[in-house]
Amino acid sequence: RLQRICSCLSHYSPVFAESPVVPGMVFPFVKAFKTNETHAFEAFLTLVNNHARGWFELFPDPPFGHLAEVEAVVKFHDPQVAKRMESVPGGLQGAAWQLLSTLFTDVTTADEWLRLF
């Protein structure tokens, strides 16, 4: 199912065929919608079009503008965390992209993810 949905996405936009993060982003939708591939496909596209617009504009690079916004929010709300993240490889933007590019699936359980999205 994941392969079929990714194939449909690659027909929708060729960048989805090239991006290594897309299968990981689509996977939770496949799990959530079980056998209904159409709903998984449409839910993923709705999320990307409404909330992740611009994430693939700089492909193969991450969306630096969006990541800078995340960094600014963290610096404003928790300067200590922002300062600590400067010493981490990739910095705050790298850590944010790791979370965003997997839609938080690496740090949440299936039930938590469903509540989040």
N, C-alpha and C. Protein backbone atom coordinates (compact mmCIF):
# COMPACT_ATOMS: atom_id res chain seq x y z
N ARG A 1 0.82 -1.20 0.00
CA ARG A 1 0.00 0.00 0.00
C ARG A 1 0.86 1.26 0.00
N LEU A 2 1.91 1.25 0.81
CA LEU A 2 2.80 2.41 0.86
C LEU A 2 3.40 2.67 -0.51
N GLN A 3 3.83 1.63 -1.17
CA GLN A 3 4.44 1.79 -2.50
C GLN A 3 3.44 2.35 -3.51
N ARG A 4 2.21 1.87 -3.46
CA ARG A 4 1.20 2.36 -4.40
C ARG A 4 0.88 3.84 -4.14
N ILE A 5 0.77 4.21 -2.88
CA ILE A 5 0.48 5.62 -2.57
C ILE A 5 1.64 6.51 -2.97
N CYS A 6 2.87 6.06 -2.70
CA CYS A 6 4.04 6.85 -3.11
C CYS A 6 4.10 6.96 -4.63
N SER A 7 3.70 5.92 -5.33
CA SER A 7 3.66 5.97 -6.79
C SER A 7 2.64 7.01 -7.26
N CYS A 8 1.48 7.00 -6.64
CA CYS A 8 0.45 8.01 -6.99
C CYS A 8 0.95 9.42 -6.70
N LEU A 9 1.64 9.58 -5.58
CA LEU A 9 2.18 10.89 -5.23
C LEU A 9 3.23 11.34 -6.24
N SER A 10 4.02 10.40 -6.74
CA SER A 10 5.05 10.77 -7.73
C SER A 10 4.42 11.21 -9.04
N HIS A 11 3.23 10.69 -9.35
CA HIS A 11 2.52 11.15 -10.53
C HIS A 11 1.91 12.53 -10.29
N TYR A 12 1.51 12.77 -9.06
CA TYR A 12 0.95 14.07 -8.70
C TYR A 12 2.02 15.15 -8.79
N SER A 13 3.21 14.85 -8.25
CA SER A 13 4.32 15.80 -8.29
C SER A 13 5.63 15.02 -8.32
N PRO A 14 6.46 15.22 -9.32
CA PRO A 14 7.71 14.47 -9.43
C PRO A 14 8.64 14.63 -8.24
N VAL A 15 8.55 15.72 -7.50
CA VAL A 15 9.43 15.90 -6.34
C VAL A 15 9.15 14.83 -5.29
N PHE A 16 7.91 14.33 -5.22
CA PHE A 16 7.60 13.28 -4.26
C PHE A 16 8.31 11.98 -4.60
N ALA A 17 8.61 11.77 -5.87
CA ALA A 17 9.35 10.57 -6.29
C ALA A 17 10.81 10.67 -5.90
N GLU A 18 11.35 11.87 -5.85
CA GLU A 18 12.77 12.08 -5.59
C GLU A 18 13.10 12.25 -4.11
N SER A 19 12.17 12.73 -3.33
CA SER A 19 12.44 13.05 -1.93
C SER A 19 12.52 11.79 -1.06
N PRO A 20 13.61 11.62 -0.34
CA PRO A 20 13.74 10.44 0.52
C PRO A 20 12.87 10.51 1.78
N VAL A 21 12.31 11.67 2.10
CA VAL A 21 11.50 11.78 3.31
C VAL A 21 10.04 11.42 3.08
N VAL A 22 9.60 11.38 1.84
CA VAL A 22 8.18 11.16 1.56
C VAL A 22 7.66 9.82 2.06
N PRO A 23 8.33 8.69 1.82
CA PRO A 23 7.79 7.43 2.34
C PRO A 23 7.60 7.43 3.85
N GLY A 24 8.53 8.02 4.57
CA GLY A 24 8.39 8.10 6.02
C GLY A 24 7.26 9.00 6.45
N MET A 25 7.00 10.03 5.65
CA MET A 25 5.90 10.93 5.96
C MET A 25 4.55 10.29 5.63
N VAL A 26 4.52 9.47 4.60
CA VAL A 26 3.27 8.84 4.15
C VAL A 26 2.91 7.64 5.02
N PHE A 27 3.91 6.96 5.55
CA PHE A 27 3.69 5.71 6.28
C PHE A 27 2.62 5.81 7.37
N PRO A 28 2.64 6.84 8.23
CA PRO A 28 1.59 6.87 9.26
C PRO A 28 0.18 7.03 8.70
N PHE A 29 0.05 7.64 7.55
CA PHE A 29 -1.26 7.76 6.92
C PHE A 29 -1.73 6.40 6.41
N VAL A 30 -0.80 5.62 5.89
CA VAL A 30 -1.13 4.26 5.44
C VAL A 30 -1.61 3.44 6.63
N LYS A 31 -0.91 3.56 7.75
CA LYS A 31 -1.31 2.81 8.95
C LYS A 31 -2.64 3.31 9.49
N ALA A 32 -2.85 4.60 9.50
CA ALA A 32 -4.07 5.17 10.07
C ALA A 32 -5.31 4.82 9.26
N PHE A 33 -5.17 4.83 7.92
CA PHE A 33 -6.32 4.58 7.07
C PHE A 33 -6.43 3.13 6.61
N LYS A 34 -5.53 2.30 7.11
CA LYS A 34 -5.51 0.87 6.85
C LYS A 34 -5.66 0.55 5.36
N THR A 35 -6.77 0.01 4.93
CA THR A 35 -6.91 -0.43 3.54
C THR A 35 -7.42 0.65 2.59
N ASN A 36 -7.78 1.81 3.11
CA ASN A 36 -8.32 2.86 2.25
C ASN A 36 -7.18 3.76 1.74
N GLU A 37 -6.62 3.36 0.63
CA GLU A 37 -5.48 4.07 0.07
C GLU A 37 -5.85 5.47 -0.42
N THR A 38 -7.06 5.63 -0.91
CA THR A 38 -7.49 6.94 -1.39
C THR A 38 -7.52 7.96 -0.26
N HIS A 39 -8.04 7.55 0.89
CA HIS A 39 -8.07 8.46 2.03
C HIS A 39 -6.67 8.80 2.52
N ALA A 40 -5.79 7.82 2.54
CA ALA A 40 -4.40 8.06 2.96
C ALA A 40 -3.73 9.05 2.00
N PHE A 41 -3.90 8.83 0.72
CA PHE A 41 -3.33 9.72 -0.31
C PHE A 41 -3.86 11.14 -0.14
N GLU A 42 -5.17 11.27 -0.03
CA GLU A 42 -5.77 12.60 0.06
C GLU A 42 -5.45 13.29 1.39
N ALA A 43 -5.38 12.54 2.47
CA ALA A 43 -5.04 13.14 3.76
C ALA A 43 -3.61 13.66 3.75
N PHE A 44 -2.71 12.89 3.15
CA PHE A 44 -1.32 13.34 3.07
C PHE A 44 -1.22 14.61 2.22
N LEU A 45 -1.86 14.61 1.06
CA LEU A 45 -1.81 15.80 0.21
C LEU A 45 -2.47 17.01 0.88
N THR A 46 -3.53 16.79 1.62
CA THR A 46 -4.17 17.89 2.33
C THR A 46 -3.21 18.48 3.36
N LEU A 47 -2.53 17.62 4.10
CA LEU A 47 -1.56 18.09 5.08
C LEU A 47 -0.44 18.88 4.41
N VAL A 48 0.10 18.34 3.33
CA VAL A 48 1.20 19.02 2.64
C VAL A 48 0.73 20.35 2.06
N ASN A 49 -0.41 20.34 1.40
CA ASN A 49 -0.89 21.58 0.77
C ASN A 49 -1.31 22.65 1.77
N ASN A 50 -1.82 22.24 2.93
CA ASN A 50 -2.31 23.22 3.89
C ASN A 50 -1.28 23.61 4.96
N HIS A 51 -0.42 22.67 5.34
CA HIS A 51 0.46 22.93 6.47
C HIS A 51 1.95 22.78 6.16
N ALA A 52 2.27 22.19 5.06
CA ALA A 52 3.68 21.99 4.72
C ALA A 52 4.00 22.62 3.37
N ARG A 53 3.22 23.61 3.01
CA ARG A 53 3.45 24.31 1.74
C ARG A 53 4.84 24.92 1.77
N GLY A 54 5.60 24.67 0.76
CA GLY A 54 6.94 25.22 0.68
C GLY A 54 8.03 24.29 1.19
N TRP A 55 7.67 23.18 1.80
CA TRP A 55 8.69 22.26 2.32
C TRP A 55 9.53 21.66 1.21
N PHE A 56 8.98 21.55 0.03
CA PHE A 56 9.70 20.90 -1.07
C PHE A 56 10.18 21.89 -2.13
N GLU A 57 10.00 23.16 -1.89
CA GLU A 57 10.40 24.17 -2.87
C GLU A 57 11.91 24.21 -3.08
N LEU A 58 12.68 23.95 -2.05
CA LEU A 58 14.14 23.99 -2.15
C LEU A 58 14.76 22.61 -2.30
N PHE A 59 13.93 21.61 -2.58
CA PHE A 59 14.42 20.24 -2.69
C PHE A 59 15.64 20.19 -3.61
N PRO A 60 16.69 19.51 -3.20
CA PRO A 60 16.82 18.53 -2.13
C PRO A 60 17.19 19.11 -0.77
N ASP A 61 17.27 20.41 -0.65
CA ASP A 61 17.57 21.02 0.64
C ASP A 61 16.31 21.12 1.48
N PRO A 62 16.48 21.17 2.80
CA PRO A 62 15.30 21.35 3.66
C PRO A 62 14.74 22.77 3.51
N PRO A 63 13.55 23.00 4.02
CA PRO A 63 12.92 24.32 3.90
C PRO A 63 13.52 25.31 4.92
N PHE A 64 14.62 25.92 4.55
CA PHE A 64 15.36 26.77 5.48
C PHE A 64 14.53 27.91 6.06
N GLY A 65 13.64 28.49 5.27
CA GLY A 65 12.80 29.57 5.77
C GLY A 65 11.90 29.12 6.90
N HIS A 66 11.28 27.97 6.74
CA HIS A 66 10.40 27.43 7.78
C HIS A 66 11.20 27.05 9.01
N LEU A 67 12.38 26.49 8.79
CA LEU A 67 13.21 26.09 9.92
C LEU A 67 13.73 27.31 10.68
N ALA A 68 13.99 28.40 9.98
CA ALA A 68 14.38 29.63 10.65
C ALA A 68 13.24 30.17 11.52
N GLU A 69 12.00 29.99 11.05
CA GLU A 69 10.85 30.40 11.85
C GLU A 69 10.75 29.57 13.12
N VAL A 70 10.98 28.26 12.99
CA VAL A 70 10.96 27.39 14.18
C VAL A 70 12.04 27.83 15.16
N GLU A 71 13.22 28.11 14.63
CA GLU A 71 14.33 28.55 15.48
C GLU A 71 13.99 29.86 16.20
N ALA A 72 13.37 30.79 15.50
CA ALA A 72 13.00 32.07 16.11
C ALA A 72 11.97 31.88 17.23
N VAL A 73 11.03 30.97 17.02
CA VAL A 73 10.02 30.70 18.04
C VAL A 73 10.67 30.10 19.28
N VAL A 74 11.57 29.15 19.08
CA VAL A 74 12.25 28.53 20.23
C VAL A 74 13.11 29.55 20.95
N LYS A 75 13.83 30.39 20.20
CA LYS A 75 14.67 31.42 20.83
C LYS A 75 13.82 32.40 21.65
N PHE A 76 12.64 32.70 21.17
CA PHE A 76 11.76 33.63 21.89
C PHE A 76 11.20 33.00 23.16
N HIS A 77 10.72 31.75 23.04
CA HIS A 77 10.03 31.12 24.15
C HIS A 77 10.95 30.40 25.13
N ASP A 78 12.10 29.92 24.67
CA ASP A 78 13.02 29.21 25.55
C ASP A 78 14.46 29.43 25.11
N PRO A 79 15.02 30.59 25.43
CA PRO A 79 16.38 30.91 24.99
C PRO A 79 17.43 29.91 25.47
N GLN A 80 17.19 29.29 26.63
CA GLN A 80 18.17 28.31 27.14
C GLN A 80 18.24 27.09 26.24
N VAL A 81 17.11 26.61 25.79
CA VAL A 81 17.10 25.47 24.87
C VAL A 81 17.77 25.86 23.56
N ALA A 82 17.46 27.04 23.06
CA ALA A 82 18.07 27.49 21.81
C ALA A 82 19.58 27.57 21.94
N LYS A 83 20.06 28.08 23.05
CA LYS A 83 21.51 28.19 23.28
C LYS A 83 22.14 26.80 23.35
N ARG A 84 21.49 25.88 24.02
CA ARG A 84 22.00 24.51 24.14
C ARG A 84 22.05 23.83 22.77
N MET A 85 21.07 24.08 21.94
CA MET A 85 21.00 23.43 20.63
C MET A 85 22.09 23.92 19.68
N GLU A 86 22.70 25.06 19.97
CA GLU A 86 23.79 25.56 19.13
C GLU A 86 24.98 24.61 19.12
N SER A 87 25.16 23.85 20.20
CA SER A 87 26.29 22.93 20.28
C SER A 87 26.00 21.55 19.68
N VAL A 88 24.77 21.30 19.32
CA VAL A 88 24.38 20.02 18.73
C VAL A 88 24.67 20.05 17.23
N PRO A 89 25.24 18.97 16.68
CA PRO A 89 25.48 18.95 15.22
C PRO A 89 24.19 19.21 14.45
N GLY A 90 24.22 20.15 13.54
CA GLY A 90 23.03 20.52 12.78
C GLY A 90 22.24 21.63 13.45
N GLY A 91 22.51 21.85 14.72
CA GLY A 91 21.85 22.92 15.45
C GLY A 91 20.35 22.70 15.61
N LEU A 92 19.70 23.73 16.01
CA LEU A 92 18.26 23.69 16.24
C LEU A 92 17.50 23.40 14.95
N GLN A 93 17.93 23.99 13.84
CA GLN A 93 17.24 23.76 12.57
C GLN A 93 17.36 22.30 12.14
N GLY A 94 18.53 21.70 12.34
CA GLY A 94 18.71 20.28 11.99
C GLY A 94 17.82 19.38 12.82
N ALA A 95 17.74 19.66 14.11
CA ALA A 95 16.88 18.87 14.99
C ALA A 95 15.41 19.05 14.62
N ALA A 96 15.03 20.28 14.30
CA ALA A 96 13.64 20.55 13.91
C ALA A 96 13.30 19.82 12.62
N TRP A 97 14.22 19.81 11.66
CA TRP A 97 13.94 19.14 10.39
C TRP A 97 13.81 17.63 10.58
N GLN A 98 14.62 17.06 11.49
CA GLN A 98 14.49 15.62 11.76
C GLN A 98 13.09 15.29 12.28
N LEU A 99 12.55 16.13 13.11
CA LEU A 99 11.20 15.91 13.64
C LEU A 99 10.14 16.16 12.58
N LEU A 100 10.26 17.28 11.88
CA LEU A 100 9.24 17.64 10.89
C LEU A 100 9.25 16.71 9.68
N SER A 101 10.42 16.30 9.22
CA SER A 101 10.49 15.46 8.02
C SER A 101 9.93 14.06 8.24
N THR A 102 9.78 13.66 9.50
CA THR A 102 9.15 12.38 9.80
C THR A 102 7.75 12.56 10.38
N LEU A 103 7.30 13.82 10.40
CA LEU A 103 6.00 14.17 10.99
C LEU A 103 5.88 13.63 12.41
N PHE A 104 6.98 13.67 13.14
CA PHE A 104 7.05 13.29 14.54
C PHE A 104 6.85 11.80 14.80
N THR A 105 6.90 10.97 13.77
CA THR A 105 6.69 9.53 13.97
C THR A 105 7.83 8.88 14.73
N ASP A 106 9.01 9.47 14.71
CA ASP A 106 10.15 8.89 15.43
C ASP A 106 10.06 9.12 16.94
N VAL A 107 9.23 10.04 17.37
CA VAL A 107 9.18 10.38 18.79
C VAL A 107 7.80 10.20 19.41
N THR A 108 6.85 9.66 18.65
CA THR A 108 5.50 9.45 19.18
C THR A 108 5.06 8.01 18.93
N THR A 109 4.15 7.54 19.76
CA THR A 109 3.52 6.26 19.51
C THR A 109 2.42 6.47 18.48
N ALA A 110 1.85 5.39 17.99
CA ALA A 110 0.78 5.51 17.00
C ALA A 110 -0.41 6.29 17.56
N ASP A 111 -0.80 6.01 18.81
CA ASP A 111 -1.92 6.71 19.40
C ASP A 111 -1.62 8.19 19.60
N GLU A 112 -0.41 8.51 20.04
CA GLU A 112 -0.02 9.91 20.20
C GLU A 112 -0.03 10.64 18.87
N TRP A 113 0.47 9.96 17.83
CA TRP A 113 0.53 10.58 16.50
C TRP A 113 -0.87 10.89 16.00
N LEU A 114 -1.80 9.95 16.19
CA LEU A 114 -3.18 10.17 15.74
C LEU A 114 -3.82 11.35 16.46
N ARG A 115 -3.50 11.53 17.75
CA ARG A 115 -4.03 12.68 18.49
C ARG A 115 -3.39 13.98 18.00
N LEU A 116 -2.13 13.90 17.62
CA LEU A 116 -1.40 15.08 17.16
C LEU A 116 -1.95 15.56 15.82
N PHE A 117 -2.23 14.63 14.92
CA PHE A 117 -2.70 14.99 13.59
C PHE A 117 -4.17 14.73 13.44
